[in-house]
């Protein structure tokens, strides 16, 4: 019983090259800087962030909904009152094609910049 042929190694090598090229393209080709961050509450823009820092998002009654941190060209949610904390677990976002959404609080944190039409338009994990 033969374990592996020489051509098998070539096929595996080519597959690794294709996978490596795809990973390189998605991580380098899709990142573009954004100029500002827009925060929407229930469909209305309530805040535009242009400078680095930590920002608190409250509802109309002054109740804390979430905190957004903008640092080194990336944005993330650091504190949220929603039960599952999906918006916090999204982590740092540095791509204008990837908004942070908090469904229970009805908040969208959207980076605004040059939308990359040729890059990746959705991320799953």
PDB file of N, CA and C in Angstrom:
ATOM      1  N   UNK A   1       0.844  -1.179   0.000  1.00  0.00           N
ATOM      2  CA  UNK A   1       0.000   0.000   0.000  1.00  0.00           C
ATOM      3  C   UNK A   1       0.890   1.243   0.000  1.00  0.00           C
ATOM      4  N   UNK A   2       0.695   2.078  -0.994  1.00  0.00           N
ATOM      5  CA  UNK A   2       1.487   3.302  -1.094  1.00  0.00           C
ATOM      6  C   UNK A   2       0.890   4.367  -0.201  1.00  0.00           C
ATOM      7  N   UNK A   3       1.753   5.085   0.475  1.00  0.00           N
ATOM      8  CA  UNK A   3       1.291   6.122   1.405  1.00  0.00           C
ATOM      9  C   UNK A   3       0.946   7.415   0.677  1.00  0.00           C
ATOM     10  N   UNK A   4       1.844   7.930  -0.122  1.00  0.00           N
ATOM     11  CA  UNK A   4       1.581   9.157  -0.879  1.00  0.00           C
ATOM     12  C   UNK A   4       2.515   9.217  -2.072  1.00  0.00           C
ATOM     13  N   UNK A   5       1.997   9.734  -3.162  1.00  0.00           N
ATOM     14  CA  UNK A   5       2.808   9.886  -4.361  1.00  0.00           C
ATOM     15  C   UNK A   5       3.320  11.320  -4.456  1.00  0.00           C
ATOM     16  N   UNK A   6       4.255  11.500  -5.359  1.00  0.00           N
ATOM     17  CA  UNK A   6       4.849  12.814  -5.551  1.00  0.00           C
ATOM     18  C   UNK A   6       3.800  13.822  -6.029  1.00  0.00           C
ATOM     19  N   UNK A   7       2.884  13.389  -6.877  1.00  0.00           N
ATOM     20  CA  UNK A   7       1.847  14.296  -7.379  1.00  0.00           C
ATOM     21  C   UNK A   7       0.887  14.722  -6.268  1.00  0.00           C
ATOM     22  N   UNK A   8       0.689  13.868  -5.271  1.00  0.00           N
ATOM     23  CA  UNK A   8      -0.166  14.237  -4.140  1.00  0.00           C
ATOM     24  C   UNK A   8       0.402  15.444  -3.398  1.00  0.00           C
ATOM     25  N   UNK A   9       1.708  15.475  -3.240  1.00  0.00           N
ATOM     26  CA  UNK A   9       2.341  16.603  -2.567  1.00  0.00           C
ATOM     27  C   UNK A   9       2.194  17.887  -3.385  1.00  0.00           C
ATOM     28  N   UNK A  10       2.269  17.779  -4.711  1.00  0.00           N
ATOM     29  CA  UNK A  10       2.064  18.951  -5.566  1.00  0.00           C
ATOM     30  C   UNK A  10       0.643  19.494  -5.434  1.00  0.00           C
ATOM     31  N   UNK A  11      -0.323  18.609  -5.402  1.00  0.00           N
ATOM     32  CA  UNK A  11      -1.724  19.033  -5.268  1.00  0.00           C
ATOM     33  C   UNK A  11      -1.939  19.722  -3.926  1.00  0.00           C
ATOM     34  N   UNK A  12      -1.398  19.157  -2.875  1.00  0.00           N
ATOM     35  CA  UNK A  12      -1.532  19.756  -1.543  1.00  0.00           C
ATOM     36  C   UNK A  12      -0.840  21.119  -1.500  1.00  0.00           C
ATOM     37  N   UNK A  13       0.323  21.225  -2.122  1.00  0.00           N
ATOM     38  CA  UNK A  13       1.046  22.496  -2.156  1.00  0.00           C
ATOM     39  C   UNK A  13       0.241  23.567  -2.889  1.00  0.00           C
ATOM     40  N   UNK A  14      -0.358  23.215  -4.019  1.00  0.00           N
ATOM     41  CA  UNK A  14      -1.167  24.171  -4.781  1.00  0.00           C
ATOM     42  C   UNK A  14      -2.389  24.588  -3.970  1.00  0.00           C
ATOM     43  N   UNK A  15      -3.016  23.659  -3.272  1.00  0.00           N
ATOM     44  CA  UNK A  15      -4.161  24.000  -2.425  1.00  0.00           C
ATOM     45  C   UNK A  15      -3.763  24.982  -1.326  1.00  0.00           C
ATOM     46  N   UNK A  16      -2.618  24.764  -0.701  1.00  0.00           N
ATOM     47  CA  UNK A  16      -2.144  25.692   0.322  1.00  0.00           C
ATOM     48  C   UNK A  16      -1.874  27.078  -0.267  1.00  0.00           C
ATOM     49  N   UNK A  17      -1.341  27.131  -1.475  1.00  0.00           N
ATOM     50  CA  UNK A  17      -1.117  28.424  -2.122  1.00  0.00           C
ATOM     51  C   UNK A  17      -2.430  29.147  -2.391  1.00  0.00           C
ATOM     52  N   UNK A  18      -3.430  28.432  -2.850  1.00  0.00           N
ATOM     53  CA  UNK A  18      -4.732  29.048  -3.125  1.00  0.00           C
ATOM     54  C   UNK A  18      -5.372  29.549  -1.839  1.00  0.00           C
ATOM     55  N   UNK A  19      -5.361  28.735  -0.802  1.00  0.00           N
ATOM     56  CA  UNK A  19      -5.947  29.136   0.486  1.00  0.00           C
ATOM     57  C   UNK A  19      -5.184  30.319   1.073  1.00  0.00           C
ATOM     58  N   UNK A  20      -3.863  30.276   1.017  1.00  0.00           N
ATOM     59  CA  UNK A  20      -3.055  31.390   1.525  1.00  0.00           C
ATOM     60  C   UNK A  20      -3.309  32.675   0.760  1.00  0.00           C
ATOM     61  N   UNK A  21      -3.458  32.581  -0.560  1.00  0.00           N
ATOM     62  CA  UNK A  21      -3.771  33.765  -1.363  1.00  0.00           C
ATOM     63  C   UNK A  21      -5.130  34.344  -1.023  1.00  0.00           C
ATOM     64  N   UNK A  22      -6.112  33.476  -0.778  1.00  0.00           N
ATOM     65  CA  UNK A  22      -7.444  33.948  -0.404  1.00  0.00           C
ATOM     66  C   UNK A  22      -7.406  34.665   0.943  1.00  0.00           C
ATOM     67  N   UNK A  23      -6.716  34.089   1.910  1.00  0.00           N
ATOM     68  CA  UNK A  23      -6.606  34.720   3.231  1.00  0.00           C
ATOM     69  C   UNK A  23      -5.883  36.059   3.118  1.00  0.00           C
ATOM     70  N   UNK A  24      -4.824  36.098   2.359  1.00  0.00           N
ATOM     71  CA  UNK A  24      -4.084  37.343   2.168  1.00  0.00           C
ATOM     72  C   UNK A  24      -4.950  38.400   1.495  1.00  0.00           C
ATOM     73  N   UNK A  25      -5.730  38.010   0.497  1.00  0.00           N
ATOM     74  CA  UNK A  25      -6.603  38.953  -0.209  1.00  0.00           C
ATOM     75  C   UNK A  25      -7.694  39.497   0.706  1.00  0.00           C
ATOM     76  N   UNK A  26      -8.303  38.649   1.516  1.00  0.00           N
ATOM     77  CA  UNK A  26      -9.400  39.111   2.367  1.00  0.00           C
ATOM     78  C   UNK A  26      -8.916  39.983   3.510  1.00  0.00           C
ATOM     79  N   UNK A  27      -7.719  39.743   4.016  1.00  0.00           N
ATOM     80  CA  UNK A  27      -7.253  40.533   5.152  1.00  0.00           C
ATOM     81  C   UNK A  27      -6.521  41.802   4.744  1.00  0.00           C
ATOM     82  N   UNK A  28      -5.866  41.797   3.621  1.00  0.00           N
ATOM     83  CA  UNK A  28      -5.139  42.985   3.193  1.00  0.00           C
ATOM     84  C   UNK A  28      -5.957  43.793   2.195  1.00  0.00           C
ATOM     85  N   UNK A  29      -6.596  43.150   1.254  1.00  0.00           N
ATOM     86  CA  UNK A  29      -7.304  43.854   0.194  1.00  0.00           C
ATOM     87  C   UNK A  29      -8.590  44.513   0.635  1.00  0.00           C
ATOM     88  N   UNK A  30      -9.222  44.028   1.702  1.00  0.00           N
ATOM     89  CA  UNK A  30     -10.531  44.560   2.070  1.00  0.00           C
ATOM     90  C   UNK A  30     -10.471  45.677   3.101  1.00  0.00           C
ATOM     91  N   UNK A  31      -9.323  45.905   3.681  1.00  0.00           N
ATOM     92  CA  UNK A  31      -9.253  46.941   4.707  1.00  0.00           C
ATOM     93  C   UNK A  31      -9.017  48.297   4.070  1.00  0.00           C
ATOM     94  N   UNK A  32      -9.863  49.210   4.409  1.00  0.00           N
ATOM     95  CA  UNK A  32      -9.682  50.578   3.949  1.00  0.00           C
ATOM     96  C   UNK A  32     -10.002  51.506   5.113  1.00  0.00           C
ATOM     97  N   UNK A  33      -9.304  52.607   5.224  1.00  0.00           N
ATOM     98  CA  UNK A  33      -9.533  53.497   6.360  1.00  0.00           C
ATOM     99  C   UNK A  33     -10.891  54.178   6.271  1.00  0.00           C
ATOM    100  N   UNK A  34     -11.413  54.540   7.413  1.00  0.00           N
ATOM    101  CA  UNK A  34     -12.656  55.301   7.420  1.00  0.00           C
ATOM    102  C   UNK A  34     -12.414  56.635   8.087  1.00  0.00           C
ATOM    103  N   UNK A  35     -13.228  57.596   7.706  1.00  0.00           N
ATOM    104  CA  UNK A  35     -13.017  58.963   8.160  1.00  0.00           C
ATOM    105  C   UNK A  35     -13.803  59.294   9.422  1.00  0.00           C
ATOM    106  N   UNK A  36     -14.920  58.626   9.624  1.00  0.00           N
ATOM    107  CA  UNK A  36     -15.747  58.898  10.800  1.00  0.00           C
ATOM    108  C   UNK A  36     -16.609  57.685  11.097  1.00  0.00           C
ATOM    109  N   UNK A  37     -17.273  57.753  12.227  1.00  0.00           N
ATOM    110  CA  UNK A  37     -18.174  56.685  12.651  1.00  0.00           C
ATOM    111  C   UNK A  37     -19.527  57.310  12.930  1.00  0.00           C
ATOM    112  N   UNK A  38     -20.562  56.718  12.378  1.00  0.00           N
ATOM    113  CA  UNK A  38     -21.920  57.180  12.633  1.00  0.00           C
ATOM    114  C   UNK A  38     -22.613  56.185  13.550  1.00  0.00           C
ATOM    115  N   UNK A  39     -23.334  56.712  14.536  1.00  0.00           N
ATOM    116  CA  UNK A  39     -24.080  55.873  15.473  1.00  0.00           C
ATOM    117  C   UNK A  39     -25.561  56.167  15.270  1.00  0.00           C
ATOM    118  N   UNK A  40     -26.316  55.112  15.009  1.00  0.00           N
ATOM    119  CA  UNK A  40     -27.753  55.231  14.777  1.00  0.00           C
ATOM    120  C   UNK A  40     -28.510  54.571  15.924  1.00  0.00           C
ATOM    121  N   UNK A  41     -29.528  55.245  16.432  1.00  0.00           N
ATOM    122  CA  UNK A  41     -30.421  54.698  17.450  1.00  0.00           C
ATOM    123  C   UNK A  41     -31.828  54.698  16.874  1.00  0.00           C
ATOM    124  N   UNK A  42     -32.390  53.520  16.726  1.00  0.00           N
ATOM    125  CA  UNK A  42     -33.739  53.340  16.163  1.00  0.00           C
ATOM    126  C   UNK A  42     -33.872  54.017  14.801  1.00  0.00           C
ATOM    127  N   UNK A  43     -32.830  53.906  13.984  1.00  0.00           N
ATOM    128  CA  UNK A  43     -32.858  54.432  12.626  1.00  0.00           C
ATOM    129  C   UNK A  43     -32.469  55.886  12.474  1.00  0.00           C
ATOM    130  N   UNK A  44     -32.288  56.609  13.564  1.00  0.00           N
ATOM    131  CA  UNK A  44     -31.904  58.020  13.502  1.00  0.00           C
ATOM    132  C   UNK A  44     -30.441  58.182  13.896  1.00  0.00           C
ATOM    133  N   UNK A  45     -29.710  58.992  13.115  1.00  0.00           N
ATOM    134  CA  UNK A  45     -28.309  59.246  13.453  1.00  0.00           C
ATOM    135  C   UNK A  45     -28.262  60.157  14.666  1.00  0.00           C
ATOM    136  N   UNK A  46     -27.631  59.664  15.747  1.00  0.00           N
ATOM    137  CA  UNK A  46     -27.570  60.440  16.982  1.00  0.00           C
ATOM    138  C   UNK A  46     -26.168  60.960  17.287  1.00  0.00           C
ATOM    139  N   UNK A  47     -25.151  60.382  16.634  1.00  0.00           N
ATOM    140  CA  UNK A  47     -23.784  60.770  16.965  1.00  0.00           C
ATOM    141  C   UNK A  47     -22.878  60.508  15.768  1.00  0.00           C
ATOM    142  N   UNK A  48     -21.950  61.438  15.536  1.00  0.00           N
ATOM    143  CA  UNK A  48     -20.892  61.256  14.554  1.00  0.00           C
ATOM    144  C   UNK A  48     -19.570  61.380  15.288  1.00  0.00           C
ATOM    145  N   UNK A  49     -18.760  60.339  15.214  1.00  0.00           N
ATOM    146  CA  UNK A  49     -17.477  60.298  15.924  1.00  0.00           C
ATOM    147  C   UNK A  49     -16.366  60.538  14.914  1.00  0.00           C
ATOM    148  N   UNK A  50     -15.546  61.550  15.176  1.00  0.00           N
ATOM    149  CA  UNK A  50     -14.419  61.852  14.298  1.00  0.00           C
ATOM    150  C   UNK A  50     -13.080  61.818  15.027  1.00  0.00           C
ATOM    151  N   UNK A  51     -13.108  61.835  16.357  1.00  0.00           N
ATOM    152  CA  UNK A  51     -11.861  61.828  17.127  1.00  0.00           C
ATOM    153  C   UNK A  51     -11.821  60.609  18.033  1.00  0.00           C
ATOM    154  N   UNK A  52     -10.598  60.148  18.304  1.00  0.00           N
ATOM    155  CA  UNK A  52     -10.427  58.976  19.147  1.00  0.00           C
ATOM    156  C   UNK A  52     -10.916  59.241  20.560  1.00  0.00           C
ATOM    157  N   UNK A  53     -11.414  58.191  21.187  1.00  0.00           N
ATOM    158  CA  UNK A  53     -11.895  58.312  22.553  1.00  0.00           C
ATOM    159  C   UNK A  53     -12.975  57.286  22.843  1.00  0.00           C
ATOM    160  N   UNK A  54     -13.534  57.387  24.035  1.00  0.00           N
ATOM    161  CA  UNK A  54     -14.623  56.518  24.465  1.00  0.00           C
ATOM    162  C   UNK A  54     -15.891  57.350  24.541  1.00  0.00           C
ATOM    163  N   UNK A  55     -16.946  56.850  23.943  1.00  0.00           N
ATOM    164  CA  UNK A  55     -18.209  57.581  23.858  1.00  0.00           C
ATOM    165  C   UNK A  55     -19.326  56.734  24.462  1.00  0.00           C
ATOM    166  N   UNK A  56     -20.212  57.385  25.197  1.00  0.00           N
ATOM    167  CA  UNK A  56     -21.342  56.717  25.830  1.00  0.00           C
ATOM    168  C   UNK A  56     -22.604  57.012  25.038  1.00  0.00           C
ATOM    169  N   UNK A  57     -23.354  55.967  24.753  1.00  0.00           N
ATOM    170  CA  UNK A  57     -24.608  56.100  24.015  1.00  0.00           C
ATOM    171  C   UNK A  57     -25.747  55.856  24.997  1.00  0.00           C
ATOM    172  N   UNK A  58     -26.583  56.871  25.193  1.00  0.00           N
ATOM    173  CA  UNK A  58     -27.733  56.779  26.093  1.00  0.00           C
ATOM    174  C   UNK A  58     -29.020  56.867  25.286  1.00  0.00           C
ATOM    175  N   UNK A  59     -30.099  56.326  25.851  1.00  0.00           N
ATOM    176  CA  UNK A  59     -31.396  56.495  25.202  1.00  0.00           C
ATOM    177  C   UNK A  59     -31.973  57.857  25.571  1.00  0.00           C
ATOM    178  N   UNK A  60     -33.196  58.127  25.171  1.00  0.00           N
ATOM    179  CA  UNK A  60     -33.797  59.441  25.407  1.00  0.00           C
ATOM    180  C   UNK A  60     -34.050  59.721  26.881  1.00  0.00           C
ATOM    181  N   UNK A  61     -34.122  58.670  27.709  1.00  0.00           N
ATOM    182  CA  UNK A  61     -34.323  58.846  29.147  1.00  0.00           C
ATOM    183  C   UNK A  61     -33.012  58.940  29.919  1.00  0.00           C
ATOM    184  N   UNK A  62     -31.875  58.889  29.224  1.00  0.00           N
ATOM    185  CA  UNK A  62     -30.581  58.963  29.886  1.00  0.00           C
ATOM    186  C   UNK A  62     -30.047  57.618  30.342  1.00  0.00           C
ATOM    187  N   UNK A  63     -30.722  56.535  29.994  1.00  0.00           N
ATOM    188  CA  UNK A  63     -30.309  55.190  30.387  1.00  0.00           C
ATOM    189  C   UNK A  63     -29.153  54.729  29.497  1.00  0.00           C
ATOM    190  N   UNK A  64     -28.075  54.230  30.109  1.00  0.00           N
ATOM    191  CA  UNK A  64     -26.901  53.771  29.371  1.00  0.00           C
ATOM    192  C   UNK A  64     -27.259  52.569  28.500  1.00  0.00           C
ATOM    193  N   UNK A  65     -26.966  52.667  27.211  1.00  0.00           N
ATOM    194  CA  UNK A  65     -27.183  51.546  26.301  1.00  0.00           C
ATOM    195  C   UNK A  65     -25.880  50.839  25.963  1.00  0.00           C
ATOM    196  N   UNK A  66     -24.866  51.614  25.557  1.00  0.00           N
ATOM    197  CA  UNK A  66     -23.559  51.018  25.288  1.00  0.00           C
ATOM    198  C   UNK A  66     -22.480  52.081  25.246  1.00  0.00           C
ATOM    199  N   UNK A  67     -21.225  51.613  25.287  1.00  0.00           N
ATOM    200  CA  UNK A  67     -20.066  52.491  25.177  1.00  0.00           C
ATOM    201  C   UNK A  67     -19.244  52.047  23.974  1.00  0.00           C
ATOM    202  N   UNK A  68     -18.812  53.028  23.190  1.00  0.00           N
ATOM    203  CA  UNK A  68     -18.049  52.789  21.972  1.00  0.00           C
ATOM    204  C   UNK A  68     -16.654  53.363  22.158  1.00  0.00           C
ATOM    205  N   UNK A  69     -15.639  52.603  21.756  1.00  0.00           N
ATOM    206  CA  UNK A  69     -14.260  53.073  21.821  1.00  0.00           C
ATOM    207  C   UNK A  69     -13.702  53.167  20.403  1.00  0.00           C
ATOM    208  N   UNK A  70     -13.131  54.323  20.080  1.00  0.00           N
ATOM    209  CA  UNK A  70     -12.507  54.562  18.779  1.00  0.00           C
ATOM    210  C   UNK A  70     -11.033  54.833  19.031  1.00  0.00           C
ATOM    211  N   UNK A  71     -10.161  53.957  18.514  1.00  0.00           N
ATOM    212  CA  UNK A  71      -8.737  54.054  18.801  1.00  0.00           C
ATOM    213  C   UNK A  71      -7.936  53.458  17.646  1.00  0.00           C
ATOM    214  N   UNK A  72      -6.899  54.159  17.210  1.00  0.00           N
ATOM    215  CA  UNK A  72      -5.976  53.686  16.173  1.00  0.00           C
ATOM    216  C   UNK A  72      -6.681  53.230  14.902  1.00  0.00           C
ATOM    217  N   UNK A  73      -7.688  53.956  14.477  1.00  0.00           N
ATOM    218  CA  UNK A  73      -8.372  53.638  13.227  1.00  0.00           C
ATOM    219  C   UNK A  73      -9.301  52.447  13.291  1.00  0.00           C
ATOM    220  N   UNK A  74      -9.707  52.059  14.485  1.00  0.00           N
ATOM    221  CA  UNK A  74     -10.640  50.943  14.643  1.00  0.00           C
ATOM    222  C   UNK A  74     -11.655  51.301  15.723  1.00  0.00           C
ATOM    223  N   UNK A  75     -12.798  50.649  15.677  1.00  0.00           N
ATOM    224  CA  UNK A  75     -13.874  50.933  16.622  1.00  0.00           C
ATOM    225  C   UNK A  75     -14.371  49.615  17.214  1.00  0.00           C
ATOM    226  N   UNK A  76     -14.840  49.680  18.466  1.00  0.00           N
ATOM    227  CA  UNK A  76     -15.430  48.507  19.108  1.00  0.00           C
ATOM    228  C   UNK A  76     -16.414  48.959  20.171  1.00  0.00           C
ATOM    229  N   UNK A  77     -17.277  48.047  20.577  1.00  0.00           N
ATOM    230  CA  UNK A  77     -18.189  48.284  21.688  1.00  0.00           C
ATOM    231  C   UNK A  77     -17.544  47.667  22.921  1.00  0.00           C
ATOM    232  N   UNK A  78     -17.365  48.459  23.978  1.00  0.00           N
ATOM    233  CA  UNK A  78     -16.690  47.952  25.173  1.00  0.00           C
ATOM    234  C   UNK A  78     -17.650  47.633  26.307  1.00  0.00           C
ATOM    235  N   UNK A  79     -18.867  48.167  26.258  1.00  0.00           N
ATOM    236  CA  UNK A  79     -19.841  47.899  27.314  1.00  0.00           C
ATOM    237  C   UNK A  79     -21.230  48.029  26.713  1.00  0.00           C
ATOM    238  N   UNK A  80     -22.083  47.052  26.997  1.00  0.00           N
ATOM    239  CA  UNK A  80     -23.434  47.088  26.458  1.00  0.00           C
ATOM    240  C   UNK A  80     -24.398  46.508  27.481  1.00  0.00           C
ATOM    241  N   UNK A  81     -25.642  46.973  27.431  1.00  0.00           N
ATOM    242  CA  UNK A  81     -26.659  46.474  28.356  1.00  0.00           C
ATOM    243  C   UNK A  81     -27.475  45.337  27.754  1.00  0.00           C
ATOM    244  N   UNK A  82     -27.175  44.927  26.534  1.00  0.00           N
ATOM    245  CA  UNK A  82     -27.935  43.843  25.916  1.00  0.00           C
ATOM    246  C   UNK A  82     -27.569  42.507  26.562  1.00  0.00           C
ATOM    247  N   UNK A  83     -28.470  41.523  26.525  1.00  0.00           N
ATOM    248  CA  UNK A  83     -28.241  40.281  27.263  1.00  0.00           C
ATOM    249  C   UNK A  83     -27.140  39.381  26.699  1.00  0.00           C
ATOM    250  N   UNK A  84     -26.999  39.258  25.394  1.00  0.00           N
ATOM    251  CA  UNK A  84     -26.042  38.308  24.825  1.00  0.00           C
ATOM    252  C   UNK A  84     -24.674  38.911  24.513  1.00  0.00           C
ATOM    253  N   UNK A  85     -24.564  40.222  24.508  1.00  0.00           N
ATOM    254  CA  UNK A  85     -23.291  40.930  24.276  1.00  0.00           C
ATOM    255  C   UNK A  85     -22.659  40.595  22.920  1.00  0.00           C
ATOM    256  N   UNK A  86     -23.489  40.362  21.908  1.00  0.00           N
ATOM    257  CA  UNK A  86     -22.965  40.066  20.577  1.00  0.00           C
ATOM    258  C   UNK A  86     -22.191  41.258  20.023  1.00  0.00           C
ATOM    259  N   UNK A  87     -22.671  42.461  20.284  1.00  0.00           N
ATOM    260  CA  UNK A  87     -21.977  43.658  19.793  1.00  0.00           C
ATOM    261  C   UNK A  87     -20.595  43.799  20.435  1.00  0.00           C
ATOM    262  N   UNK A  88     -20.463  43.428  21.698  1.00  0.00           N
ATOM    263  CA  UNK A  88     -19.149  43.466  22.357  1.00  0.00           C
ATOM    264  C   UNK A  88     -18.228  42.405  21.775  1.00  0.00           C
ATOM    265  N   UNK A  89     -18.781  41.233  21.496  1.00  0.00           N
ATOM    266  CA  UNK A  89     -17.973  40.128  20.978  1.00  0.00           C
ATOM    267  C   UNK A  89     -17.574  40.310  19.524  1.00  0.00           C
ATOM    268  N   UNK A  90     -18.126  41.295  18.849  1.00  0.00           N
ATOM    269  CA  UNK A  90     -17.711  41.586  17.477  1.00  0.00           C
ATOM    270  C   UNK A  90     -16.250  42.006  17.444  1.00  0.00           C
ATOM    271  N   UNK A  91     -15.800  42.684  18.483  1.00  0.00           N
ATOM    272  CA  UNK A  91     -14.397  43.086  18.570  1.00  0.00           C
ATOM    273  C   UNK A  91     -14.105  44.342  17.769  1.00  0.00           C
ATOM    274  N   UNK A  92     -12.826  44.527  17.461  1.00  0.00           N
ATOM    275  CA  UNK A  92     -12.385  45.720  16.737  1.00  0.00           C
ATOM    276  C   UNK A  92     -12.809  45.631  15.282  1.00  0.00           C
ATOM    277  N   UNK A  93     -13.348  46.721  14.768  1.00  0.00           N
ATOM    278  CA  UNK A  93     -13.748  46.811  13.367  1.00  0.00           C
ATOM    279  C   UNK A  93     -12.948  47.934  12.731  1.00  0.00           C
ATOM    280  N   UNK A  94     -12.226  47.609  11.667  1.00  0.00           N
ATOM    281  CA  UNK A  94     -11.453  48.627  10.957  1.00  0.00           C
ATOM    282  C   UNK A  94     -11.815  48.641   9.478  1.00  0.00           C
ATOM    283  N   UNK A  95     -12.970  48.119   9.144  1.00  0.00           N
ATOM    284  CA  UNK A  95     -13.413  48.013   7.763  1.00  0.00           C
ATOM    285  C   UNK A  95     -14.761  48.709   7.618  1.00  0.00           C
ATOM    286  N   UNK A  96     -14.904  49.653   6.695  1.00  0.00           N
ATOM    287  CA  UNK A  96     -16.187  50.345   6.551  1.00  0.00           C
ATOM    288  C   UNK A  96     -17.301  49.452   6.022  1.00  0.00           C
ATOM    289  N   UNK A  97     -16.978  48.256   5.564  1.00  0.00           N
ATOM    290  CA  UNK A  97     -17.996  47.319   5.102  1.00  0.00           C
ATOM    291  C   UNK A  97     -18.591  46.504   6.242  1.00  0.00           C
ATOM    292  N   UNK A  98     -18.124  46.686   7.461  1.00  0.00           N
ATOM    293  CA  UNK A  98     -18.550  45.856   8.580  1.00  0.00           C
ATOM    294  C   UNK A  98     -19.078  46.718   9.729  1.00  0.00           C
ATOM    295  N   UNK A  99     -20.377  46.922   9.830  1.00  0.00           N
ATOM    296  CA  UNK A  99     -20.927  47.676  10.966  1.00  0.00           C
ATOM    297  C   UNK A  99     -21.041  46.795  12.205  1.00  0.00           C
ATOM    298  N   UNK A 100     -21.169  47.428  13.354  1.00  0.00           N
ATOM    299  CA  UNK A 100     -21.455  46.725  14.606  1.00  0.00           C
ATOM    300  C   UNK A 100     -22.924  46.976  14.918  1.00  0.00           C
ATOM    301  N   UNK A 101     -23.677  45.911  15.126  1.00  0.00           N
ATOM    302  CA  UNK A 101     -25.120  46.029  15.328  1.00  0.00           C
ATOM    303  C   UNK A 101     -25.495  45.450  16.685  1.00  0.00           C
ATOM    304  N   UNK A 102     -26.267  46.216  17.453  1.00  0.00           N
ATOM    305  CA  UNK A 102     -26.828  45.758  18.724  1.00  0.00           C
ATOM    306  C   UNK A 102     -28.348  45.730  18.538  1.00  0.00           C
ATOM    307  N   UNK A 103     -28.887  44.557  18.291  1.00  0.00           N
ATOM    308  CA  UNK A 103     -30.310  44.438  17.965  1.00  0.00           C
ATOM    309  C   UNK A 103     -31.210  44.759  19.154  1.00  0.00           C
ATOM    310  N   UNK A 104     -30.949  44.251  20.374  1.00  0.00           N
ATOM    311  CA  UNK A 104     -31.860  44.581  21.483  1.00  0.00           C
ATOM    312  C   UNK A 104     -31.943  46.079  21.778  1.00  0.00           C
ATOM    313  N   UNK A 105     -30.828  46.790  21.654  1.00  0.00           N
ATOM    314  CA  UNK A 105     -30.823  48.232  21.908  1.00  0.00           C
ATOM    315  C   UNK A 105     -31.139  49.050  20.661  1.00  0.00           C
ATOM    316  N   UNK A 106     -31.273  48.392  19.517  1.00  0.00           N
ATOM    317  CA  UNK A 106     -31.569  49.039  18.232  1.00  0.00           C
ATOM    318  C   UNK A 106     -30.526  50.092  17.872  1.00  0.00           C
ATOM    319  N   UNK A 107     -29.248  49.707  17.998  1.00  0.00           N
ATOM    320  CA  UNK A 107     -28.133  50.614  17.714  1.00  0.00           C
ATOM    321  C   UNK A 107     -27.266  50.020  16.613  1.00  0.00           C
ATOM    322  N   UNK A 108     -26.840  50.879  15.685  1.00  0.00           N
ATOM    323  CA  UNK A 108     -25.885  50.502  14.647  1.00  0.00           C
ATOM    324  C   UNK A 108     -24.702  51.449  14.746  1.00  0.00           C
ATOM    325  N   UNK A 109     -23.506  50.893  14.871  1.00  0.00           N
ATOM    326  CA  UNK A 109     -22.261  51.662  14.865  1.00  0.00           C
ATOM    327  C   UNK A 109     -21.630  51.398  13.505  1.00  0.00           C
ATOM    328  N   UNK A 110     -21.641  52.416  12.645  1.00  0.00           N
ATOM    329  CA  UNK A 110     -21.253  52.226  11.249  1.00  0.00           C
ATOM    330  C   UNK A 110     -20.042  53.071  10.895  1.00  0.00           C
ATOM    331  N   UNK A 111     -18.898  52.432  10.589  1.00  0.00           N
ATOM    332  CA  UNK A 111     -17.759  53.185  10.071  1.00  0.00           C
ATOM    333  C   UNK A 111     -18.088  53.730   8.686  1.00  0.00           C
ATOM    334  N   UNK A 112     -17.712  54.980   8.431  1.00  0.00           N
ATOM    335  CA  UNK A 112     -17.988  55.616   7.144  1.00  0.00           C
ATOM    336  C   UNK A 112     -16.661  55.917   6.477  1.00  0.00           C
ATOM    337  N   UNK A 113     -16.516  55.475   5.256  1.00  0.00           N
ATOM    338  CA  UNK A 113     -15.288  55.721   4.519  1.00  0.00           C
ATOM    339  C   UNK A 113     -15.435  55.231   3.104  1.00  0.00           C
ATOM    340  N   UNK A 114     -14.318  54.926   2.476  1.00  0.00           N
ATOM    341  CA  UNK A 114     -14.338  54.402   1.120  1.00  0.00           C
ATOM    342  C   UNK A 114     -14.822  52.965   1.163  1.00  0.00           C
ATOM    343  N   UNK A 115     -16.031  52.751   0.685  1.00  0.00           N
ATOM    344  CA  UNK A 115     -16.577  51.404   0.656  1.00  0.00           C
ATOM    345  C   UNK A 115     -15.822  50.599  -0.386  1.00  0.00           C
ATOM    346  N   UNK A 116     -15.308  49.462   0.016  1.00  0.00           N
ATOM    347  CA  UNK A 116     -14.532  48.612  -0.869  1.00  0.00           C
ATOM    348  C   UNK A 116     -15.487  47.695  -1.623  1.00  0.00           C
ATOM    349  N   UNK A 117     -15.797  48.033  -2.862  1.00  0.00           N
ATOM    350  CA  UNK A 117     -16.769  47.267  -3.645  1.00  0.00           C
ATOM    351  C   UNK A 117     -16.215  45.928  -4.109  1.00  0.00           C
ATOM    352  N   UNK A 118     -14.907  45.796  -4.210  1.00  0.00           N
ATOM    353  CA  UNK A 118     -14.343  44.553  -4.716  1.00  0.00           C
ATOM    354  C   UNK A 118     -13.927  43.601  -3.607  1.00  0.00           C
ATOM    355  N   UNK A 119     -14.036  44.019  -2.358  1.00  0.00           N
ATOM    356  CA  UNK A 119     -13.577  43.184  -1.258  1.00  0.00           C
ATOM    357  C   UNK A 119     -14.668  42.301  -0.695  1.00  0.00           C
ATOM    358  N   UNK A 120     -14.419  41.793   0.467  1.00  0.00           N
ATOM    359  CA  UNK A 120     -15.361  40.921   1.144  1.00  0.00           C
ATOM    360  C   UNK A 120     -16.504  41.768   1.669  1.00  0.00           C
ATOM    361  N   UNK A 121     -17.743  41.334   1.434  1.00  0.00           N
ATOM    362  CA  UNK A 121     -18.880  42.130   1.873  1.00  0.00           C
ATOM    363  C   UNK A 121     -19.586  41.542   3.081  1.00  0.00           C
ATOM    364  N   UNK A 122     -19.148  40.401   3.575  1.00  0.00           N
ATOM    365  CA  UNK A 122     -19.739  39.832   4.780  1.00  0.00           C
ATOM    366  C   UNK A 122     -18.698  38.970   5.482  1.00  0.00           C
ATOM    367  N   UNK A 123     -18.731  38.986   6.796  1.00  0.00           N
ATOM    368  CA  UNK A 123     -17.856  38.156   7.602  1.00  0.00           C
ATOM    369  C   UNK A 123     -18.716  37.232   8.442  1.00  0.00           C
ATOM    370  N   UNK A 124     -18.323  35.990   8.558  1.00  0.00           N
ATOM    371  CA  UNK A 124     -19.019  35.063   9.447  1.00  0.00           C
ATOM    372  C   UNK A 124     -17.993  34.402  10.350  1.00  0.00           C
ATOM    373  N   UNK A 125     -18.426  34.096  11.537  1.00  0.00           N
ATOM    374  CA  UNK A 125     -17.543  33.385  12.458  1.00  0.00           C
ATOM    375  C   UNK A 125     -18.366  32.582  13.414  1.00  0.00           C
TER     376      UNK A 125
END
